Amino acid sequence: MKSWDKQRFIIKHGILEWGIPVAIIYAFIITLQEKDLNKLIFISDYFLINIAISCIAFSIGGYFFGYFMWKIRKKKPDKIE
């Protein structure tokens, strides 16, 4: 498989399908724990800062998640997609 396929797989499965959704869920849960629900409904600065930081952090983690999934896929191509 080519390098472009590898990068597309990592971005799609690691960052877009794992990193960003987990970051949004994480920011929502952390904001709920730290603040009350009324402040979350109006999208407070606290929530926006949490979501920005978590999107960066979980995207980096998602890159590594996608990379390791690529390694598994390369060994067993019939198991994943």
PDB file of N, CA and C in Angstrom:
ATOM      1  N   MET A   1       0.828  -1.182   0.000  1.00  0.00           N
ATOM      2  CA  MET A   1       0.000   0.000   0.000  1.00  0.00           C
ATOM      3  C   MET A   1       0.875   1.248   0.000  1.00  0.00           C
ATOM      4  N   LYS A   2       0.335   2.272  -0.549  1.00  0.00           N
ATOM      5  CA  LYS A   2       1.118   3.484  -0.714  1.00  0.00           C
ATOM      6  C   LYS A   2       1.034   4.380   0.520  1.00  0.00           C
ATOM      7  N   SER A   3       1.969   5.310   0.591  1.00  0.00           N
ATOM      8  CA  SER A   3       2.031   6.230   1.721  1.00  0.00           C
ATOM      9  C   SER A   3       0.787   7.115   1.785  1.00  0.00           C
ATOM     10  N   TRP A   4       0.252   7.512   0.614  1.00  0.00           N
ATOM     11  CA  TRP A   4      -0.938   8.359   0.604  1.00  0.00           C
ATOM     12  C   TRP A   4      -2.131   7.616   1.213  1.00  0.00           C
ATOM     13  N   ASP A   5      -2.258   6.323   0.900  1.00  0.00           N
ATOM     14  CA  ASP A   5      -3.330   5.516   1.481  1.00  0.00           C
ATOM     15  C   ASP A   5      -3.184   5.438   2.991  1.00  0.00           C
ATOM     16  N   LYS A   6      -1.950   5.322   3.447  1.00  0.00           N
ATOM     17  CA  LYS A   6      -1.687   5.247   4.881  1.00  0.00           C
ATOM     18  C   LYS A   6      -2.099   6.540   5.570  1.00  0.00           C
ATOM     19  N   GLN A   7      -1.714   7.684   4.999  1.00  0.00           N
ATOM     20  CA  GLN A   7      -2.063   8.973   5.602  1.00  0.00           C
ATOM     21  C   GLN A   7      -3.581   9.210   5.581  1.00  0.00           C
ATOM     22  N   ARG A   8      -4.228   8.847   4.496  1.00  0.00           N
ATOM     23  CA  ARG A   8      -5.690   8.983   4.419  1.00  0.00           C
ATOM     24  C   ARG A   8      -6.366   8.120   5.469  1.00  0.00           C
ATOM     25  N   PHE A   9      -5.878   6.896   5.637  1.00  0.00           N
ATOM     26  CA  PHE A   9      -6.446   5.990   6.632  1.00  0.00           C
ATOM     27  C   PHE A   9      -6.274   6.560   8.038  1.00  0.00           C
ATOM     28  N   ILE A  10      -5.075   7.063   8.339  1.00  0.00           N
ATOM     29  CA  ILE A  10      -4.798   7.617   9.666  1.00  0.00           C
ATOM     30  C   ILE A  10      -5.675   8.833   9.932  1.00  0.00           C
ATOM     31  N   ILE A  11      -5.799   9.718   8.954  1.00  0.00           N
ATOM     32  CA  ILE A  11      -6.619  10.920   9.142  1.00  0.00           C
ATOM     33  C   ILE A  11      -8.091  10.551   9.292  1.00  0.00           C
ATOM     34  N   LYS A  12      -8.574   9.664   8.423  1.00  0.00           N
ATOM     35  CA  LYS A  12      -9.989   9.313   8.457  1.00  0.00           C
ATOM     36  C   LYS A  12     -10.357   8.546   9.724  1.00  0.00           C
ATOM     37  N   HIS A  13      -9.661   7.458   9.983  1.00  0.00           N
ATOM     38  CA  HIS A  13     -10.043   6.588  11.093  1.00  0.00           C
ATOM     39  C   HIS A  13      -9.492   7.052  12.437  1.00  0.00           C
ATOM     40  N   GLY A  14      -8.317   7.622  12.440  1.00  0.00           N
ATOM     41  CA  GLY A  14      -7.719   8.035  13.696  1.00  0.00           C
ATOM     42  C   GLY A  14      -8.182   9.393  14.176  1.00  0.00           C
ATOM     43  N   ILE A  15      -8.068  10.394  13.304  1.00  0.00           N
ATOM     44  CA  ILE A  15      -8.369  11.767  13.730  1.00  0.00           C
ATOM     45  C   ILE A  15      -9.857  12.085  13.588  1.00  0.00           C
ATOM     46  N   LEU A  16     -10.437  11.856  12.411  1.00  0.00           N
ATOM     47  CA  LEU A  16     -11.826  12.263  12.175  1.00  0.00           C
ATOM     48  C   LEU A  16     -12.853  11.353  12.831  1.00  0.00           C
ATOM     49  N   GLU A  17     -12.596  10.051  12.855  1.00  0.00           N
ATOM     50  CA  GLU A  17     -13.581   9.128  13.413  1.00  0.00           C
ATOM     51  C   GLU A  17     -13.349   8.803  14.881  1.00  0.00           C
ATOM     52  N   TRP A  18     -12.161   9.056  15.395  1.00  0.00           N
ATOM     53  CA  TRP A  18     -11.907   8.783  16.808  1.00  0.00           C
ATOM     54  C   TRP A  18     -11.549  10.046  17.578  1.00  0.00           C
ATOM     55  N   GLY A  19     -10.553  10.786  17.139  1.00  0.00           N
ATOM     56  CA  GLY A  19     -10.032  11.919  17.900  1.00  0.00           C
ATOM     57  C   GLY A  19     -11.025  13.034  18.129  1.00  0.00           C
ATOM     58  N   ILE A  20     -11.641  13.531  17.081  1.00  0.00           N
ATOM     59  CA  ILE A  20     -12.564  14.664  17.202  1.00  0.00           C
ATOM     60  C   ILE A  20     -13.840  14.297  17.966  1.00  0.00           C
ATOM     61  N   PRO A  21     -14.504  13.177  17.658  1.00  0.00           N
ATOM     62  CA  PRO A  21     -15.699  12.834  18.449  1.00  0.00           C
ATOM     63  C   PRO A  21     -15.403  12.621  19.938  1.00  0.00           C
ATOM     64  N   VAL A  22     -14.308  11.964  20.245  1.00  0.00           N
ATOM     65  CA  VAL A  22     -13.947  11.750  21.647  1.00  0.00           C
ATOM     66  C   VAL A  22     -13.626  13.081  22.320  1.00  0.00           C
ATOM     67  N   ALA A  23     -13.001  13.991  21.608  1.00  0.00           N
ATOM     68  CA  ALA A  23     -12.688  15.320  22.161  1.00  0.00           C
ATOM     69  C   ALA A  23     -13.959  16.087  22.494  1.00  0.00           C
ATOM     70  N   ILE A  24     -14.952  16.019  21.631  1.00  0.00           N
ATOM     71  CA  ILE A  24     -16.211  16.725  21.880  1.00  0.00           C
ATOM     72  C   ILE A  24     -16.933  16.129  23.083  1.00  0.00           C
ATOM     73  N   ILE A  25     -16.995  14.812  23.143  1.00  0.00           N
ATOM     74  CA  ILE A  25     -17.635  14.152  24.281  1.00  0.00           C
ATOM     75  C   ILE A  25     -16.881  14.461  25.573  1.00  0.00           C
ATOM     76  N   TYR A  26     -15.567  14.416  25.522  1.00  0.00           N
ATOM     77  CA  TYR A  26     -14.737  14.709  26.690  1.00  0.00           C
ATOM     78  C   TYR A  26     -14.964  16.141  27.173  1.00  0.00           C
ATOM     79  N   ALA A  27     -14.950  17.103  26.270  1.00  0.00           N
ATOM     80  CA  ALA A  27     -15.152  18.511  26.649  1.00  0.00           C
ATOM     81  C   ALA A  27     -16.533  18.713  27.253  1.00  0.00           C
ATOM     82  N   PHE A  28     -17.530  18.064  26.693  1.00  0.00           N
ATOM     83  CA  PHE A  28     -18.886  18.167  27.226  1.00  0.00           C
ATOM     84  C   PHE A  28     -18.958  17.610  28.650  1.00  0.00           C
ATOM     85  N   ILE A  29     -18.382  16.433  28.881  1.00  0.00           N
ATOM     86  CA  ILE A  29     -18.422  15.807  30.207  1.00  0.00           C
ATOM     87  C   ILE A  29     -17.636  16.625  31.221  1.00  0.00           C
ATOM     88  N   ILE A  30     -16.452  17.083  30.857  1.00  0.00           N
ATOM     89  CA  ILE A  30     -15.643  17.884  31.774  1.00  0.00           C
ATOM     90  C   ILE A  30     -16.356  19.184  32.134  1.00  0.00           C
ATOM     91  N   THR A  31     -16.974  19.826  31.166  1.00  0.00           N
ATOM     92  CA  THR A  31     -17.695  21.066  31.442  1.00  0.00           C
ATOM     93  C   THR A  31     -18.894  20.802  32.348  1.00  0.00           C
ATOM     94  N   LEU A  32     -19.574  19.681  32.136  1.00  0.00           N
ATOM     95  CA  LEU A  32     -20.691  19.333  33.009  1.00  0.00           C
ATOM     96  C   LEU A  32     -20.229  19.093  34.439  1.00  0.00           C
ATOM     97  N   GLN A  33     -19.075  18.479  34.611  1.00  0.00           N
ATOM     98  CA  GLN A  33     -18.564  18.220  35.954  1.00  0.00           C
ATOM     99  C   GLN A  33     -18.101  19.492  36.641  1.00  0.00           C
ATOM    100  N   GLU A  34     -17.469  20.376  35.901  1.00  0.00           N
ATOM    101  CA  GLU A  34     -16.910  21.595  36.490  1.00  0.00           C
ATOM    102  C   GLU A  34     -17.950  22.695  36.668  1.00  0.00           C
ATOM    103  N   LYS A  35     -18.812  22.831  35.707  1.00  0.00           N
ATOM    104  CA  LYS A  35     -19.830  23.891  35.726  1.00  0.00           C
ATOM    105  C   LYS A  35     -21.198  23.240  35.733  1.00  0.00           C
ATOM    106  N   ASP A  36     -22.246  24.032  35.828  1.00  0.00           N
ATOM    107  CA  ASP A  36     -23.577  23.455  35.778  1.00  0.00           C
ATOM    108  C   ASP A  36     -24.117  23.459  34.348  1.00  0.00           C
ATOM    109  N   LEU A  37     -25.259  22.833  34.165  1.00  0.00           N
ATOM    110  CA  LEU A  37     -25.816  22.652  32.826  1.00  0.00           C
ATOM    111  C   LEU A  37     -26.219  23.978  32.186  1.00  0.00           C
ATOM    112  N   ASN A  38     -26.655  24.948  32.968  1.00  0.00           N
ATOM    113  CA  ASN A  38     -27.070  26.235  32.401  1.00  0.00           C
ATOM    114  C   ASN A  38     -25.922  26.945  31.704  1.00  0.00           C
ATOM    115  N   LYS A  39     -24.717  26.850  32.253  1.00  0.00           N
ATOM    116  CA  LYS A  39     -23.571  27.508  31.626  1.00  0.00           C
ATOM    117  C   LYS A  39     -23.161  26.780  30.348  1.00  0.00           C
ATOM    118  N   LEU A  40     -23.424  25.493  30.286  1.00  0.00           N
ATOM    119  CA  LEU A  40     -23.085  24.733  29.085  1.00  0.00           C
ATOM    120  C   LEU A  40     -24.047  25.046  27.943  1.00  0.00           C
ATOM    121  N   ILE A  41     -25.306  25.258  28.269  1.00  0.00           N
ATOM    122  CA  ILE A  41     -26.302  25.519  27.236  1.00  0.00           C
ATOM    123  C   ILE A  41     -25.951  26.788  26.453  1.00  0.00           C
ATOM    124  N   PHE A  42     -25.446  27.782  27.120  1.00  0.00           N
ATOM    125  CA  PHE A  42     -25.117  29.037  26.452  1.00  0.00           C
ATOM    126  C   PHE A  42     -23.703  29.043  25.874  1.00  0.00           C
ATOM    127  N   ILE A  43     -23.069  27.897  25.792  1.00  0.00           N
ATOM    128  CA  ILE A  43     -21.728  27.714  25.260  1.00  0.00           C
ATOM    129  C   ILE A  43     -20.766  28.758  25.846  1.00  0.00           C
ATOM    130  N   SER A  44     -20.389  28.486  27.038  1.00  0.00           N
ATOM    131  CA  SER A  44     -19.514  29.397  27.770  1.00  0.00           C
ATOM    132  C   SER A  44     -18.092  29.365  27.214  1.00  0.00           C
ATOM    133  N   ASP A  45     -17.303  30.344  27.634  1.00  0.00           N
ATOM    134  CA  ASP A  45     -15.892  30.381  27.247  1.00  0.00           C
ATOM    135  C   ASP A  45     -15.151  29.158  27.779  1.00  0.00           C
ATOM    136  N   TYR A  46     -15.555  28.706  28.954  1.00  0.00           N
ATOM    137  CA  TYR A  46     -14.932  27.521  29.563  1.00  0.00           C
ATOM    138  C   TYR A  46     -15.100  26.308  28.647  1.00  0.00           C
ATOM    139  N   PHE A  47     -16.302  26.119  28.103  1.00  0.00           N
ATOM    140  CA  PHE A  47     -16.563  24.999  27.200  1.00  0.00           C
ATOM    141  C   PHE A  47     -15.749  25.134  25.916  1.00  0.00           C
ATOM    142  N   LEU A  48     -15.687  26.334  25.360  1.00  0.00           N
ATOM    143  CA  LEU A  48     -14.943  26.540  24.113  1.00  0.00           C
ATOM    144  C   LEU A  48     -13.452  26.310  24.290  1.00  0.00           C
ATOM    145  N   ILE A  49     -12.920  26.738  25.431  1.00  0.00           N
ATOM    146  CA  ILE A  49     -11.500  26.488  25.710  1.00  0.00           C
ATOM    147  C   ILE A  49     -11.257  24.993  25.876  1.00  0.00           C
ATOM    148  N   ASN A  50     -12.147  24.315  26.608  1.00  0.00           N
ATOM    149  CA  ASN A  50     -12.021  22.861  26.774  1.00  0.00           C
ATOM    150  C   ASN A  50     -12.080  22.130  25.450  1.00  0.00           C
ATOM    151  N   ILE A  51     -12.983  22.533  24.593  1.00  0.00           N
ATOM    152  CA  ILE A  51     -13.121  21.823  23.316  1.00  0.00           C
ATOM    153  C   ILE A  51     -11.918  22.081  22.410  1.00  0.00           C
ATOM    154  N   ALA A  52     -11.371  23.294  22.448  1.00  0.00           N
ATOM    155  CA  ALA A  52     -10.195  23.595  21.623  1.00  0.00           C
ATOM    156  C   ALA A  52      -8.984  22.781  22.082  1.00  0.00           C
ATOM    157  N   ILE A  53      -8.743  22.770  23.368  1.00  0.00           N
ATOM    158  CA  ILE A  53      -7.592  22.018  23.906  1.00  0.00           C
ATOM    159  C   ILE A  53      -7.766  20.520  23.692  1.00  0.00           C
ATOM    160  N   SER A  54      -8.972  20.015  23.948  1.00  0.00           N
ATOM    161  CA  SER A  54      -9.181  18.577  23.788  1.00  0.00           C
ATOM    162  C   SER A  54      -9.142  18.151  22.323  1.00  0.00           C
ATOM    163  N   CYS A  55      -9.581  19.005  21.406  1.00  0.00           N
ATOM    164  CA  CYS A  55      -9.485  18.655  19.981  1.00  0.00           C
ATOM    165  C   CYS A  55      -8.031  18.517  19.548  1.00  0.00           C
ATOM    166  N   ILE A  56      -7.190  19.394  20.036  1.00  0.00           N
ATOM    167  CA  ILE A  56      -5.764  19.292  19.706  1.00  0.00           C
ATOM    168  C   ILE A  56      -5.162  18.027  20.312  1.00  0.00           C
ATOM    169  N   ALA A  57      -5.416  17.819  21.593  1.00  0.00           N
ATOM    170  CA  ALA A  57      -4.822  16.670  22.281  1.00  0.00           C
ATOM    171  C   ALA A  57      -5.338  15.341  21.727  1.00  0.00           C
ATOM    172  N   PHE A  58      -6.651  15.228  21.545  1.00  0.00           N
ATOM    173  CA  PHE A  58      -7.199  13.969  21.051  1.00  0.00           C
ATOM    174  C   PHE A  58      -6.907  13.748  19.576  1.00  0.00           C
ATOM    175  N   SER A  59      -6.664  14.789  18.817  1.00  0.00           N
ATOM    176  CA  SER A  59      -6.242  14.611  17.421  1.00  0.00           C
ATOM    177  C   SER A  59      -4.839  14.018  17.351  1.00  0.00           C
ATOM    178  N   ILE A  60      -3.970  14.457  18.253  1.00  0.00           N
ATOM    179  CA  ILE A  60      -2.630  13.863  18.321  1.00  0.00           C
ATOM    180  C   ILE A  60      -2.738  12.394  18.725  1.00  0.00           C
ATOM    181  N   GLY A  61      -3.555  12.134  19.734  1.00  0.00           N
ATOM    182  CA  GLY A  61      -3.794  10.740  20.134  1.00  0.00           C
ATOM    183  C   GLY A  61      -4.448   9.940  19.032  1.00  0.00           C
ATOM    184  N   GLY A  62      -5.360  10.567  18.288  1.00  0.00           N
ATOM    185  CA  GLY A  62      -6.026   9.898  17.179  1.00  0.00           C
ATOM    186  C   GLY A  62      -5.075   9.553  16.054  1.00  0.00           C
ATOM    187  N   TYR A  63      -4.060  10.383  15.857  1.00  0.00           N
ATOM    188  CA  TYR A  63      -3.056  10.070  14.845  1.00  0.00           C
ATOM    189  C   TYR A  63      -2.346   8.759  15.194  1.00  0.00           C
ATOM    190  N   PHE A  64      -1.955   8.631  16.458  1.00  0.00           N
ATOM    191  CA  PHE A  64      -1.286   7.397  16.884  1.00  0.00           C
ATOM    192  C   PHE A  64      -2.243   6.211  16.873  1.00  0.00           C
ATOM    193  N   PHE A  65      -3.504   6.437  17.240  1.00  0.00           N
ATOM    194  CA  PHE A  65      -4.511   5.387  17.169  1.00  0.00           C
ATOM    195  C   PHE A  65      -4.664   4.901  15.730  1.00  0.00           C
ATOM    196  N   GLY A  66      -4.769   5.836  14.789  1.00  0.00           N
ATOM    197  CA  GLY A  66      -4.877   5.479  13.382  1.00  0.00           C
ATOM    198  C   GLY A  66      -3.642   4.766  12.863  1.00  0.00           C
ATOM    199  N   TYR A  67      -2.473   5.200  13.334  1.00  0.00           N
ATOM    200  CA  TYR A  67      -1.225   4.562  12.922  1.00  0.00           C
ATOM    201  C   TYR A  67      -1.191   3.094  13.365  1.00  0.00           C
ATOM    202  N   PHE A  68      -1.575   2.839  14.619  1.00  0.00           N
ATOM    203  CA  PHE A  68      -1.556   1.465  15.103  1.00  0.00           C
ATOM    204  C   PHE A  68      -2.644   0.625  14.452  1.00  0.00           C
ATOM    205  N   MET A  69      -3.772   1.240  14.132  1.00  0.00           N
ATOM    206  CA  MET A  69      -4.806   0.524  13.387  1.00  0.00           C
ATOM    207  C   MET A  69      -4.313   0.177  11.981  1.00  0.00           C
ATOM    208  N   TRP A  70      -3.539   1.075  11.381  1.00  0.00           N
ATOM    209  CA  TRP A  70      -2.957   0.813  10.062  1.00  0.00           C
ATOM    210  C   TRP A  70      -2.009  -0.389  10.134  1.00  0.00           C
ATOM    211  N   LYS A  71      -1.210  -0.439  11.199  1.00  0.00           N
ATOM    212  CA  LYS A  71      -0.286  -1.567  11.365  1.00  0.00           C
ATOM    213  C   LYS A  71      -1.048  -2.884  11.459  1.00  0.00           C
ATOM    214  N   ILE A  72      -2.153  -2.878  12.219  1.00  0.00           N
ATOM    215  CA  ILE A  72      -2.968  -4.084  12.354  1.00  0.00           C
ATOM    216  C   ILE A  72      -3.598  -4.438  11.013  1.00  0.00           C
ATOM    217  N   ARG A  73      -4.082  -3.432  10.295  1.00  0.00           N
ATOM    218  CA  ARG A  73      -4.705  -3.655   8.992  1.00  0.00           C
ATOM    219  C   ARG A  73      -3.706  -4.217   7.992  1.00  0.00           C
ATOM    220  N   LYS A  74      -2.472  -3.742   8.080  1.00  0.00           N
ATOM    221  CA  LYS A  74      -1.453  -4.210   7.154  1.00  0.00           C
ATOM    222  C   LYS A  74      -1.135  -5.687   7.372  1.00  0.00           C
ATOM    223  N   LYS A  75      -1.209  -6.128   8.626  1.00  0.00           N
ATOM    224  CA  LYS A  75      -0.939  -7.524   8.935  1.00  0.00           C
ATOM    225  C   LYS A  75      -2.131  -8.418   8.577  1.00  0.00           C
ATOM    226  N   LYS A  76      -3.365  -7.887   8.800  1.00  0.00           N
ATOM    227  CA  LYS A  76      -4.585  -8.662   8.552  1.00  0.00           C
ATOM    228  C   LYS A  76      -5.536  -7.849   7.678  1.00  0.00           C
ATOM    229  N   PRO A  77      -5.300  -7.775   6.372  1.00  0.00           N
ATOM    230  CA  PRO A  77      -6.106  -6.900   5.518  1.00  0.00           C
ATOM    231  C   PRO A  77      -7.581  -7.313   5.409  1.00  0.00           C
ATOM    232  N   ASP A  78      -7.915  -8.571   5.637  1.00  0.00           N
ATOM    233  CA  ASP A  78      -9.303  -9.011   5.494  1.00  0.00           C
ATOM    234  C   ASP A  78     -10.135  -8.736   6.745  1.00  0.00           C
ATOM    235  N   LYS A  79      -9.517  -8.365   7.846  1.00  0.00           N
ATOM    236  CA  LYS A  79     -10.243  -8.132   9.104  1.00  0.00           C
ATOM    237  C   LYS A  79     -10.857  -6.738   9.180  1.00  0.00           C
ATOM    238  N   ILE A  80     -10.202  -5.711   8.630  1.00  0.00           N
ATOM    239  CA  ILE A  80     -10.694  -4.335   8.695  1.00  0.00           C
ATOM    240  C   ILE A  80     -10.955  -3.838   7.289  1.00  0.00           C
ATOM    241  N   GLU A  81     -12.167  -3.461   7.046  1.00  0.00           N
ATOM    242  CA  GLU A  81     -12.600  -2.931   5.736  1.00  0.00           C
ATOM    243  C   GLU A  81     -11.972  -3.697   4.606  1.00  0.00           C
TER     244      GLU A  81
END
